[in-house]
Amino acid sequence: MTKRNPVASLLNQFETLILDGALATELEKLGCNLDDPLWSARVLLDEPEKIRKVHYAYFKAGADIAITASYQASIEGFKKRGISEKEARVLIKKTVELAQEAREDYWQEKMESARPYPLVAGSVGPYGAYLADGSEYIGNYGVSDQLLYAFHRPRMEALVEAGADLLAVETIPSLQEARVVCNLLKEFPGIPAWMTFTLKDAVHISEGTELKACAELLNSYSQIAAVGVNCVTTAFVSDAVQELKAYTQKPIIIYPNSGEHYDPETKTWSGDNSVHVDTAAADWAEKGAGIIGGCCRTGPEDIRGISRVLRER
């Protein structure tokens, strides 16, 4: 039996919930070198206290939910670095512990009656993130359901065992991967999850499947606590929220990039970042988004702005 859905419970008390922003962006500002297939998970090996510091900064900025540093922390990825499966599981669990510790530090110091006690969401990044070739923005991996199942299961198990409040199944580019993870969730009936997709345009996910088909699929899974998009340009968000609103009754979660576009081949960012997530947040909430935050190239200042805008509503 699925445990009480913390997202639904909080949205019954608060009109919107505020998510954190980019982890990697802030770690780079702290001097971390993320030029590694493990990306931000590399910091778990060398400087875990910096991850905790970033989580704390987001809680201080107003985040009601922290996403753990496990996005690219897969068993297979760690094995490539010569780390055993046992040690890899310990490291994945540590991502939850770091976020929990930051939450406790913040809450004991700054407890606010007008804010909910924050949640910790265990990040379940896509198979494409492990490939480290930009596949999460393309989809069409050309792999079997069985391979995706074997890839995702150990990390999900470790995050659940570590006590994550829910799972953040994020940056998913394909309907195949979405379906595999939804079915895999049934093996962990005590944990809810949200699922967010990357987009080709405002109404199609990266592989080309219609966003409405994704919403309709997720409607049939009770453990899916929210559905939405992440790691997309801000230009797609308003239309994507309206599209989702038409096909699901589940809460809608959105956390776009700064507005720029990522080129996975050159690993560079370009484009217009004039539409800031904080100033756009009120419009997205008005259109139906219930959980709003930022992804790549956003930081605590953006989340502070979102918090100010949404709590003024």
C-alpha atoms as a PDB file:
ATOM      1  CA  MET A   1       0.000   0.000   0.000  1.00  0.00           C
ATOM      2  CA  THR A   2       1.377   3.415  -0.967  1.00  0.00           C
ATOM      3  CA  LYS A   3       2.139   5.585   2.033  1.00  0.00           C
ATOM      4  CA  ARG A   4       0.496   8.957   2.479  1.00  0.00           C
ATOM      5  CA  ASN A   5       1.292  11.123  -0.503  1.00  0.00           C
ATOM      6  CA  PRO A   6       3.316  14.050   0.903  1.00  0.00           C
ATOM      7  CA  VAL A   7       2.825  16.140  -2.247  1.00  0.00           C
ATOM      8  CA  ALA A   8      -0.963  15.894  -2.086  1.00  0.00           C
ATOM      9  CA  SER A   9      -0.948  16.561   1.655  1.00  0.00           C
ATOM     10  CA  LEU A  10       1.108  19.734   1.286  1.00  0.00           C
ATOM     11  CA  LEU A  11      -0.822  20.995  -1.729  1.00  0.00           C
ATOM     12  CA  ASN A  12      -3.981  20.705   0.372  1.00  0.00           C
ATOM     13  CA  GLN A  13      -2.422  23.218   2.756  1.00  0.00           C
ATOM     14  CA  PHE A  14      -0.402  25.427   0.394  1.00  0.00           C
ATOM     15  CA  GLU A  15      -1.429  26.677  -3.036  1.00  0.00           C
ATOM     16  CA  THR A  16       1.990  26.006  -4.559  1.00  0.00           C
ATOM     17  CA  LEU A  17       5.186  24.266  -3.488  1.00  0.00           C
ATOM     18  CA  ILE A  18       8.639  25.565  -4.334  1.00  0.00           C
ATOM     19  CA  LEU A  19      11.338  23.283  -5.629  1.00  0.00           C
ATOM     20  CA  ASP A  20      15.069  23.927  -5.471  1.00  0.00           C
ATOM     21  CA  GLY A  21      17.289  24.866  -8.416  1.00  0.00           C
ATOM     22  CA  ALA A  22      20.396  23.494 -10.091  1.00  0.00           C
ATOM     23  CA  LEU A  23      22.814  21.542  -7.950  1.00  0.00           C
ATOM     24  CA  ALA A  24      25.666  21.309 -10.454  1.00  0.00           C
ATOM     25  CA  THR A  25      25.638  25.038 -11.216  1.00  0.00           C
ATOM     26  CA  GLU A  26      26.144  25.876  -7.557  1.00  0.00           C
ATOM     27  CA  LEU A  27      28.772  23.179  -7.027  1.00  0.00           C
ATOM     28  CA  GLU A  28      30.794  24.663  -9.873  1.00  0.00           C
ATOM     29  CA  LYS A  29      30.566  28.061  -8.177  1.00  0.00           C
ATOM     30  CA  LEU A  30      32.036  26.396  -5.092  1.00  0.00           C
ATOM     31  CA  GLY A  31      35.032  25.266  -7.149  1.00  0.00           C
ATOM     32  CA  CYS A  32      33.985  21.701  -7.976  1.00  0.00           C
ATOM     33  CA  ASN A  33      35.165  20.243 -11.283  1.00  0.00           C
ATOM     34  CA  LEU A  34      32.198  18.410 -12.818  1.00  0.00           C
ATOM     35  CA  ASP A  35      33.839  17.491 -16.127  1.00  0.00           C
ATOM     36  CA  ASP A  36      33.284  13.827 -15.425  1.00  0.00           C
ATOM     37  CA  PRO A  37      30.795  11.127 -16.520  1.00  0.00           C
ATOM     38  CA  LEU A  38      29.575  11.076 -12.913  1.00  0.00           C
ATOM     39  CA  TRP A  39      28.850  14.833 -13.099  1.00  0.00           C
ATOM     40  CA  SER A  40      27.698  16.146  -9.694  1.00  0.00           C
ATOM     41  CA  ALA A  41      27.862  12.623  -8.248  1.00  0.00           C
ATOM     42  CA  ARG A  42      31.638  12.951  -8.438  1.00  0.00           C
ATOM     43  CA  VAL A  43      31.481  15.414  -5.539  1.00  0.00           C
ATOM     44  CA  LEU A  44      30.101  12.625  -3.342  1.00  0.00           C
ATOM     45  CA  LEU A  45      33.515  11.013  -3.537  1.00  0.00           C
ATOM     46  CA  ASP A  46      35.617  14.054  -2.738  1.00  0.00           C
ATOM     47  CA  GLU A  47      33.641  16.938  -1.233  1.00  0.00           C
ATOM     48  CA  PRO A  48      30.225  15.792   0.044  1.00  0.00           C
ATOM     49  CA  GLU A  49      29.993  18.725   2.468  1.00  0.00           C
ATOM     50  CA  LYS A  50      29.629  21.060  -0.531  1.00  0.00           C
ATOM     51  CA  ILE A  51      26.484  19.189  -1.589  1.00  0.00           C
ATOM     52  CA  ARG A  52      25.041  19.680   1.871  1.00  0.00           C
ATOM     53  CA  LYS A  53      25.963  23.366   1.671  1.00  0.00           C
ATOM     54  CA  VAL A  54      24.053  23.802  -1.605  1.00  0.00           C
ATOM     55  CA  HIS A  55      20.971  22.059  -0.210  1.00  0.00           C
ATOM     56  CA  TYR A  56      21.051  24.379   2.788  1.00  0.00           C
ATOM     57  CA  ALA A  57      21.296  27.434   0.520  1.00  0.00           C
ATOM     58  CA  TYR A  58      18.165  26.356  -1.338  1.00  0.00           C
ATOM     59  CA  PHE A  59      16.203  25.730   1.849  1.00  0.00           C
ATOM     60  CA  LYS A  60      17.266  29.182   3.014  1.00  0.00           C
ATOM     61  CA  ALA A  61      16.115  30.635  -0.317  1.00  0.00           C
ATOM     62  CA  GLY A  62      12.633  29.199   0.195  1.00  0.00           C
ATOM     63  CA  ALA A  63      12.665  25.694  -1.303  1.00  0.00           C
ATOM     64  CA  ASP A  64      10.048  23.305   0.065  1.00  0.00           C
ATOM     65  CA  ILE A  65      11.605  20.329  -1.725  1.00  0.00           C
ATOM     66  CA  ALA A  66      15.248  19.351  -2.239  1.00  0.00           C
ATOM     67  CA  ILE A  67      16.322  16.989  -5.013  1.00  0.00           C
ATOM     68  CA  THR A  68      19.235  14.738  -4.056  1.00  0.00           C
ATOM     69  CA  ALA A  69      22.591  14.531  -5.838  1.00  0.00           C
ATOM     70  CA  SER A  70      21.816  11.056  -7.210  1.00  0.00           C
ATOM     71  CA  TYR A  71      20.782  12.140 -10.740  1.00  0.00           C
ATOM     72  CA  GLN A  72      23.901  10.632 -12.290  1.00  0.00           C
ATOM     73  CA  ALA A  73      24.848   8.397  -9.365  1.00  0.00           C
ATOM     74  CA  SER A  74      24.100   5.017 -10.894  1.00  0.00           C
ATOM     75  CA  ILE A  75      25.529   1.657  -9.879  1.00  0.00           C
ATOM     76  CA  GLU A  76      26.922   1.165 -13.389  1.00  0.00           C
ATOM     77  CA  GLY A  77      28.463   4.618 -13.432  1.00  0.00           C
ATOM     78  CA  PHE A  78      30.278   4.020 -10.158  1.00  0.00           C
ATOM     79  CA  LYS A  79      31.438   0.588 -11.310  1.00  0.00           C
ATOM     80  CA  LYS A  80      33.180   2.249 -14.247  1.00  0.00           C
ATOM     81  CA  ARG A  81      35.181   4.178 -11.665  1.00  0.00           C
ATOM     82  CA  GLY A  82      36.220   0.972  -9.931  1.00  0.00           C
ATOM     83  CA  ILE A  83      33.727   1.360  -7.096  1.00  0.00           C
ATOM     84  CA  SER A  84      31.986  -1.788  -5.900  1.00  0.00           C
ATOM     85  CA  GLU A  85      28.214  -2.158  -5.983  1.00  0.00           C
ATOM     86  CA  LYS A  86      28.128  -2.227  -2.188  1.00  0.00           C
ATOM     87  CA  GLU A  87      30.047   1.033  -1.923  1.00  0.00           C
ATOM     88  CA  ALA A  88      27.988   2.568  -4.741  1.00  0.00           C
ATOM     89  CA  ARG A  89      24.797   1.875  -2.811  1.00  0.00           C
ATOM     90  CA  VAL A  90      26.303   3.564   0.252  1.00  0.00           C
ATOM     91  CA  LEU A  91      27.137   6.627  -1.845  1.00  0.00           C
ATOM     92  CA  ILE A  92      23.632   6.785  -3.316  1.00  0.00           C
ATOM     93  CA  LYS A  93      22.144   6.595   0.166  1.00  0.00           C
ATOM     94  CA  LYS A  94      24.492   9.369   1.220  1.00  0.00           C
ATOM     95  CA  THR A  95      22.807  11.726  -1.256  1.00  0.00           C
ATOM     96  CA  VAL A  96      19.601  11.415   0.768  1.00  0.00           C
ATOM     97  CA  GLU A  97      21.405  11.788   4.075  1.00  0.00           C
ATOM     98  CA  LEU A  98      23.126  15.001   2.967  1.00  0.00           C
ATOM     99  CA  ALA A  99      19.817  16.578   1.984  1.00  0.00           C
ATOM    100  CA  GLN A 100      18.188  15.412   5.208  1.00  0.00           C
ATOM    101  CA  GLU A 101      21.016  16.864   7.291  1.00  0.00           C
ATOM    102  CA  ALA A 102      20.775  20.215   5.482  1.00  0.00           C
ATOM    103  CA  ARG A 103      17.019  20.219   6.065  1.00  0.00           C
ATOM    104  CA  GLU A 104      17.410  19.586   9.787  1.00  0.00           C
ATOM    105  CA  ASP A 105      20.088  22.258  10.119  1.00  0.00           C
ATOM    106  CA  TYR A 106      17.893  24.802   8.382  1.00  0.00           C
ATOM    107  CA  TRP A 107      14.656  23.882  10.120  1.00  0.00           C
ATOM    108  CA  GLN A 108      16.133  24.002  13.600  1.00  0.00           C
ATOM    109  CA  GLU A 109      17.556  27.444  12.925  1.00  0.00           C
ATOM    110  CA  LYS A 110      14.785  29.031  10.855  1.00  0.00           C
ATOM    111  CA  MET A 111      11.563  27.173  11.552  1.00  0.00           C
ATOM    112  CA  GLU A 112       8.743  29.082   9.841  1.00  0.00           C
ATOM    113  CA  SER A 113       5.084  28.426  10.500  1.00  0.00           C
ATOM    114  CA  ALA A 114       4.160  29.825   7.085  1.00  0.00           C
ATOM    115  CA  ARG A 115       6.202  27.164   5.313  1.00  0.00           C
ATOM    116  CA  PRO A 116       5.842  23.388   5.186  1.00  0.00           C
ATOM    117  CA  TYR A 117       8.472  21.102   6.641  1.00  0.00           C
ATOM    118  CA  PRO A 118      10.599  20.461   3.520  1.00  0.00           C
ATOM    119  CA  LEU A 119      10.648  17.211   1.607  1.00  0.00           C
ATOM    120  CA  VAL A 120      13.652  15.294   0.258  1.00  0.00           C
ATOM    121  CA  ALA A 121      13.131  13.823  -3.214  1.00  0.00           C
ATOM    122  CA  GLY A 122      15.543  11.117  -4.343  1.00  0.00           C
ATOM    123  CA  SER A 123      16.663  11.916  -7.887  1.00  0.00           C
ATOM    124  CA  VAL A 124      16.250   9.115 -10.417  1.00  0.00           C
ATOM    125  CA  GLY A 125      17.917  10.414 -13.549  1.00  0.00           C
ATOM    126  CA  PRO A 126      17.366   8.794 -16.960  1.00  0.00           C
ATOM    127  CA  TYR A 127      19.443   6.085 -18.563  1.00  0.00           C
ATOM    128  CA  GLY A 128      20.642   8.749 -20.982  1.00  0.00           C
ATOM    129  CA  ALA A 129      22.384  10.618 -18.148  1.00  0.00           C
ATOM    130  CA  TYR A 130      24.515   7.544 -17.456  1.00  0.00           C
ATOM    131  CA  LEU A 131      25.502   7.466 -21.135  1.00  0.00           C
ATOM    132  CA  ALA A 132      26.756  11.064 -20.693  1.00  0.00           C
ATOM    133  CA  ASP A 133      26.154  11.820 -24.365  1.00  0.00           C
ATOM    134  CA  GLY A 134      23.068  14.019 -24.187  1.00  0.00           C
ATOM    135  CA  SER A 135      20.651  11.126 -24.800  1.00  0.00           C
ATOM    136  CA  GLU A 136      18.258  12.490 -22.197  1.00  0.00           C
ATOM    137  CA  TYR A 137      17.482  15.238 -24.695  1.00  0.00           C
ATOM    138  CA  ILE A 138      16.916  12.813 -27.568  1.00  0.00           C
ATOM    139  CA  GLY A 139      15.470   9.535 -26.261  1.00  0.00           C
ATOM    140  CA  ASN A 140      15.263   6.515 -28.544  1.00  0.00           C
ATOM    141  CA  TYR A 141      17.996   4.673 -26.669  1.00  0.00           C
ATOM    142  CA  GLY A 142      17.515   1.486 -28.645  1.00  0.00           C
ATOM    143  CA  VAL A 143      17.718  -0.709 -25.533  1.00  0.00           C
ATOM    144  CA  SER A 144      15.373  -3.280 -24.015  1.00  0.00           C
ATOM    145  CA  ASP A 145      12.922  -2.833 -21.170  1.00  0.00           C
ATOM    146  CA  GLN A 146      14.964  -5.380 -19.254  1.00  0.00           C
ATOM    147  CA  LEU A 147      18.115  -3.283 -19.496  1.00  0.00           C
ATOM    148  CA  LEU A 148      16.299  -0.174 -18.278  1.00  0.00           C
ATOM    149  CA  TYR A 149      14.766  -2.150 -15.414  1.00  0.00           C
ATOM    150  CA  ALA A 150      18.165  -3.500 -14.339  1.00  0.00           C
ATOM    151  CA  PHE A 151      19.687  -0.025 -14.566  1.00  0.00           C
ATOM    152  CA  HIS A 152      17.065   1.795 -12.502  1.00  0.00           C
ATOM    153  CA  ARG A 153      16.171  -0.724  -9.823  1.00  0.00           C
ATOM    154  CA  PRO A 154      19.281  -0.688  -7.558  1.00  0.00           C
ATOM    155  CA  ARG A 155      19.396   3.101  -7.296  1.00  0.00           C
ATOM    156  CA  MET A 156      15.678   3.350  -6.591  1.00  0.00           C
ATOM    157  CA  GLU A 157      16.027   0.696  -3.910  1.00  0.00           C
ATOM    158  CA  ALA A 158      18.928   2.530  -2.256  1.00  0.00           C
ATOM    159  CA  LEU A 159      17.071   5.858  -2.267  1.00  0.00           C
ATOM    160  CA  VAL A 160      13.993   4.250  -0.718  1.00  0.00           C
ATOM    161  CA  GLU A 161      16.074   2.484   1.924  1.00  0.00           C
ATOM    162  CA  ALA A 162      17.787   5.784   2.789  1.00  0.00           C
ATOM    163  CA  GLY A 163      14.431   7.332   3.662  1.00  0.00           C
ATOM    164  CA  ALA A 164      13.688   9.686   0.770  1.00  0.00           C
ATOM    165  CA  ASP A 165      10.197  11.152   1.144  1.00  0.00           C
ATOM    166  CA  LEU A 166       9.513  10.487  -2.521  1.00  0.00           C
ATOM    167  CA  LEU A 167      11.391   9.876  -5.766  1.00  0.00           C
ATOM    168  CA  ALA A 168      12.060  12.494  -8.438  1.00  0.00           C
ATOM    169  CA  VAL A 169      12.021  10.553 -11.700  1.00  0.00           C
ATOM    170  CA  GLU A 170      13.297  13.339 -13.897  1.00  0.00           C
ATOM    171  CA  THR A 171      14.545  14.375 -17.338  1.00  0.00           C
ATOM    172  CA  ILE A 172      12.844  11.377 -18.967  1.00  0.00           C
ATOM    173  CA  PRO A 173      12.949  11.565 -22.788  1.00  0.00           C
ATOM    174  CA  SER A 174      10.957   8.479 -23.778  1.00  0.00           C
ATOM    175  CA  LEU A 175       7.646   6.796 -23.128  1.00  0.00           C
ATOM    176  CA  GLN A 176       9.403   3.436 -22.922  1.00  0.00           C
ATOM    177  CA  GLU A 177      11.551   4.553 -20.000  1.00  0.00           C
ATOM    178  CA  ALA A 178       8.567   6.181 -18.310  1.00  0.00           C
ATOM    179  CA  ARG A 179       6.574   2.966 -18.508  1.00  0.00           C
ATOM    180  CA  VAL A 180       9.459   0.834 -17.213  1.00  0.00           C
ATOM    181  CA  VAL A 181      10.003   3.072 -14.183  1.00  0.00           C
ATOM    182  CA  CYS A 182       6.271   3.275 -13.417  1.00  0.00           C
ATOM    183  CA  ASN A 183       6.023  -0.503 -13.387  1.00  0.00           C
ATOM    184  CA  LEU A 184       9.193  -0.746 -11.324  1.00  0.00           C
ATOM    185  CA  LEU A 185       7.654   1.544  -8.705  1.00  0.00           C
ATOM    186  CA  LYS A 186       5.191  -1.219  -7.904  1.00  0.00           C
ATOM    187  CA  GLU A 187       8.072  -3.079  -6.261  1.00  0.00           C
ATOM    188  CA  PHE A 188       8.336  -0.202  -3.783  1.00  0.00           C
ATOM    189  CA  PRO A 189       4.682   0.325  -2.817  1.00  0.00           C
ATOM    190  CA  GLY A 190       5.537   2.548   0.144  1.00  0.00           C
ATOM    191  CA  ILE A 191       6.999   5.356  -1.955  1.00  0.00           C
ATOM    192  CA  PRO A 192       5.366   7.943  -4.261  1.00  0.00           C
ATOM    193  CA  ALA A 193       7.201   9.626  -7.122  1.00  0.00           C
ATOM    194  CA  TRP A 194       6.881  12.465  -9.561  1.00  0.00           C
ATOM    195  CA  MET A 195       7.845  12.096 -13.199  1.00  0.00           C
ATOM    196  CA  THR A 196       9.073  14.897 -15.415  1.00  0.00           C
ATOM    197  CA  PHE A 197       9.966  14.797 -19.108  1.00  0.00           C
ATOM    198  CA  THR A 198      12.303  16.664 -21.427  1.00  0.00           C
ATOM    199  CA  LEU A 199      10.696  18.269 -24.455  1.00  0.00           C
ATOM    200  CA  LYS A 200      11.238  18.488 -28.198  1.00  0.00           C
ATOM    201  CA  ASP A 201       8.674  21.291 -28.297  1.00  0.00           C
ATOM    202  CA  ALA A 202       5.881  22.431 -26.010  1.00  0.00           C
ATOM    203  CA  VAL A 203       3.629  19.423 -26.693  1.00  0.00           C
ATOM    204  CA  HIS A 204       6.053  16.582 -27.541  1.00  0.00           C
ATOM    205  CA  ILE A 205       8.665  14.926 -25.360  1.00  0.00           C
ATOM    206  CA  SER A 206      12.211  14.565 -26.673  1.00  0.00           C
ATOM    207  CA  GLU A 207      11.687  11.336 -28.615  1.00  0.00           C
ATOM    208  CA  GLY A 208       8.594  12.817 -30.316  1.00  0.00           C
ATOM    209  CA  THR A 209       5.776  11.218 -28.300  1.00  0.00           C
ATOM    210  CA  GLU A 210       2.894  13.575 -27.552  1.00  0.00           C
ATOM    211  CA  LEU A 211       2.978  14.984 -24.048  1.00  0.00           C
ATOM    212  CA  LYS A 212      -0.696  14.153 -23.666  1.00  0.00           C
ATOM    213  CA  ALA A 213       0.106  10.445 -24.208  1.00  0.00           C
ATOM    214  CA  CYS A 214       2.575  10.640 -21.325  1.00  0.00           C
ATOM    215  CA  ALA A 215       0.004  12.278 -19.069  1.00  0.00           C
ATOM    216  CA  GLU A 216      -2.583   9.656 -19.984  1.00  0.00           C
ATOM    217  CA  LEU A 217      -0.114   6.856 -19.213  1.00  0.00           C
ATOM    218  CA  LEU A 218       0.757   8.288 -15.809  1.00  0.00           C
ATOM    219  CA  ASN A 219      -2.901   8.759 -14.888  1.00  0.00           C
ATOM    220  CA  SER A 220      -3.152   4.990 -14.454  1.00  0.00           C
ATOM    221  CA  TYR A 221      -0.347   4.791 -11.854  1.00  0.00           C
ATOM    222  CA  SER A 222      -1.414   5.684  -8.323  1.00  0.00           C
ATOM    223  CA  GLN A 223       2.174   6.091  -7.098  1.00  0.00           C
ATOM    224  CA  ILE A 224       2.804   8.975  -9.495  1.00  0.00           C
ATOM    225  CA  ALA A 225       2.219  12.007  -7.285  1.00  0.00           C
ATOM    226  CA  ALA A 226       2.868  14.688  -9.925  1.00  0.00           C
ATOM    227  CA  VAL A 227       3.666  14.933 -13.616  1.00  0.00           C
ATOM    228  CA  GLY A 228       5.487  17.621 -15.534  1.00  0.00           C
ATOM    229  CA  VAL A 229       8.597  18.776 -17.360  1.00  0.00           C
ATOM    230  CA  ASN A 230      12.120  19.751 -16.397  1.00  0.00           C
ATOM    231  CA  CYS A 231      15.416  20.752 -17.981  1.00  0.00           C
ATOM    232  CA  VAL A 232      13.557  22.556 -20.772  1.00  0.00           C
ATOM    233  CA  THR A 233      13.629  26.102 -22.054  1.00  0.00           C
ATOM    234  CA  THR A 234      11.272  28.518 -20.353  1.00  0.00           C
ATOM    235  CA  ALA A 235       9.693  29.204 -23.756  1.00  0.00           C
ATOM    236  CA  PHE A 236       7.960  25.791 -23.671  1.00  0.00           C
ATOM    237  CA  VAL A 237       6.620  25.915 -20.134  1.00  0.00           C
ATOM    238  CA  SER A 238       3.320  27.805 -20.386  1.00  0.00           C
ATOM    239  CA  ASP A 239       2.028  25.718 -23.287  1.00  0.00           C
ATOM    240  CA  ALA A 240       3.273  22.482 -21.693  1.00  0.00           C
ATOM    241  CA  VAL A 241       1.444  23.271 -18.435  1.00  0.00           C
ATOM    242  CA  GLN A 242      -1.786  23.930 -20.323  1.00  0.00           C
ATOM    243  CA  GLU A 243      -1.366  20.717 -22.309  1.00  0.00           C
ATOM    244  CA  LEU A 244      -0.845  18.680 -19.147  1.00  0.00           C
ATOM    245  CA  LYS A 245      -3.723  20.406 -17.404  1.00  0.00           C
ATOM    246  CA  ALA A 246      -6.037  19.181 -20.168  1.00  0.00           C
ATOM    247  CA  TYR A 247      -5.076  15.521 -19.756  1.00  0.00           C
ATOM    248  CA  THR A 248      -4.362  14.905 -16.081  1.00  0.00           C
ATOM    249  CA  GLN A 249      -5.810  15.673 -12.669  1.00  0.00           C
ATOM    250  CA  LYS A 250      -2.441  15.043 -11.015  1.00  0.00           C
ATOM    251  CA  PRO A 251      -0.469  18.021  -9.705  1.00  0.00           C
ATOM    252  CA  ILE A 252       1.749  19.591 -12.367  1.00  0.00           C
ATOM    253  CA  ILE A 253       5.421  20.133 -11.622  1.00  0.00           C
ATOM    254  CA  ILE A 254       7.740  22.264 -13.723  1.00  0.00           C
ATOM    255  CA  TYR A 255      11.382  23.201 -13.293  1.00  0.00           C
ATOM    256  CA  PRO A 256      12.902  24.629 -16.456  1.00  0.00           C
ATOM    257  CA  ASN A 257      16.410  25.786 -17.217  1.00  0.00           C
ATOM    258  CA  SER A 258      17.394  29.444 -17.177  1.00  0.00           C
ATOM    259  CA  GLY A 259      15.930  29.901 -20.655  1.00  0.00           C
ATOM    260  CA  GLU A 260      19.015  28.888 -22.568  1.00  0.00           C
ATOM    261  CA  HIS A 261      19.410  25.829 -24.791  1.00  0.00           C
ATOM    262  CA  TYR A 262      21.949  23.065 -24.103  1.00  0.00           C
ATOM    263  CA  ASP A 263      23.931  21.533 -26.954  1.00  0.00           C
ATOM    264  CA  PRO A 264      24.913  18.014 -25.808  1.00  0.00           C
ATOM    265  CA  GLU A 265      27.550  17.702 -28.532  1.00  0.00           C
ATOM    266  CA  THR A 266      29.511  20.807 -27.606  1.00  0.00           C
ATOM    267  CA  LYS A 267      28.334  20.784 -23.976  1.00  0.00           C
ATOM    268  CA  THR A 268      27.623  24.494 -24.175  1.00  0.00           C
ATOM    269  CA  TRP A 269      24.673  26.783 -23.475  1.00  0.00           C
ATOM    270  CA  SER A 270      23.270  29.407 -25.806  1.00  0.00           C
ATOM    271  CA  GLY A 271      20.129  31.419 -26.464  1.00  0.00           C
ATOM    272  CA  ASP A 272      17.894  33.850 -24.655  1.00  0.00           C
ATOM    273  CA  ASN A 273      17.709  33.778 -20.878  1.00  0.00           C
ATOM    274  CA  SER A 274      15.639  36.930 -20.566  1.00  0.00           C
ATOM    275  CA  VAL A 275      12.547  35.043 -19.342  1.00  0.00           C
ATOM    276  CA  HIS A 276      13.514  34.496 -15.735  1.00  0.00           C
ATOM    277  CA  VAL A 277      11.900  31.676 -13.798  1.00  0.00           C
ATOM    278  CA  ASP A 278      11.067  33.939 -10.878  1.00  0.00           C
ATOM    279  CA  THR A 279       9.128  36.515 -12.882  1.00  0.00           C
ATOM    280  CA  ALA A 280       7.370  33.824 -14.925  1.00  0.00           C
ATOM    281  CA  ALA A 281       6.413  31.708 -11.907  1.00  0.00           C
ATOM    282  CA  ALA A 282       3.145  33.526 -11.190  1.00  0.00           C
ATOM    283  CA  ASP A 283       1.946  32.955 -14.757  1.00  0.00           C
ATOM    284  CA  TRP A 284       2.853  29.265 -14.610  1.00  0.00           C
ATOM    285  CA  ALA A 285       1.024  28.895 -11.310  1.00  0.00           C
ATOM    286  CA  GLU A 286      -1.994  30.702 -12.750  1.00  0.00           C
ATOM    287  CA  LYS A 287      -2.053  28.241 -15.652  1.00  0.00           C
ATOM    288  CA  GLY A 288      -2.064  25.290 -13.260  1.00  0.00           C
ATOM    289  CA  ALA A 289       1.451  24.396 -12.106  1.00  0.00           C
ATOM    290  CA  GLY A 290       1.426  23.356  -8.455  1.00  0.00           C
ATOM    291  CA  ILE A 291       5.158  22.751  -7.939  1.00  0.00           C
ATOM    292  CA  ILE A 292       7.658  25.196  -9.439  1.00  0.00           C
ATOM    293  CA  GLY A 293      11.443  25.400  -9.324  1.00  0.00           C
ATOM    294  CA  GLY A 294      14.492  25.637 -11.535  1.00  0.00           C
ATOM    295  CA  CYS A 295      16.868  23.282 -13.309  1.00  0.00           C
ATOM    296  CA  CYS A 296      20.205  23.915 -15.047  1.00  0.00           C
ATOM    297  CA  ARG A 297      21.727  27.393 -14.762  1.00  0.00           C
ATOM    298  CA  THR A 298      19.335  28.490 -12.019  1.00  0.00           C
ATOM    299  CA  GLY A 299      20.411  29.170  -8.460  1.00  0.00           C
ATOM    300  CA  PRO A 300      19.283  30.211  -4.977  1.00  0.00           C
ATOM    301  CA  GLU A 301      18.539  33.758  -6.157  1.00  0.00           C
ATOM    302  CA  ASP A 302      16.048  32.380  -8.685  1.00  0.00           C
ATOM    303  CA  ILE A 303      14.406  30.212  -6.035  1.00  0.00           C
ATOM    304  CA  ARG A 304      14.293  33.155  -3.656  1.00  0.00           C
ATOM    305  CA  GLY A 305      12.531  35.117  -6.384  1.00  0.00           C
ATOM    306  CA  ILE A 306      10.041  32.310  -7.026  1.00  0.00           C
ATOM    307  CA  SER A 307       9.388  32.070  -3.293  1.00  0.00           C
ATOM    308  CA  ARG A 308       8.741  35.790  -3.052  1.00  0.00           C
ATOM    309  CA  VAL A 309       6.442  35.860  -6.085  1.00  0.00           C
ATOM    310  CA  LEU A 310       4.408  32.779  -5.187  1.00  0.00           C
ATOM    311  CA  ARG A 311       4.072  33.457  -1.473  1.00  0.00           C
ATOM    312  CA  GLU A 312       2.872  36.961  -2.232  1.00  0.00           C
ATOM    313  CA  ARG A 313       0.032  35.341  -4.198  1.00  0.00           C
END
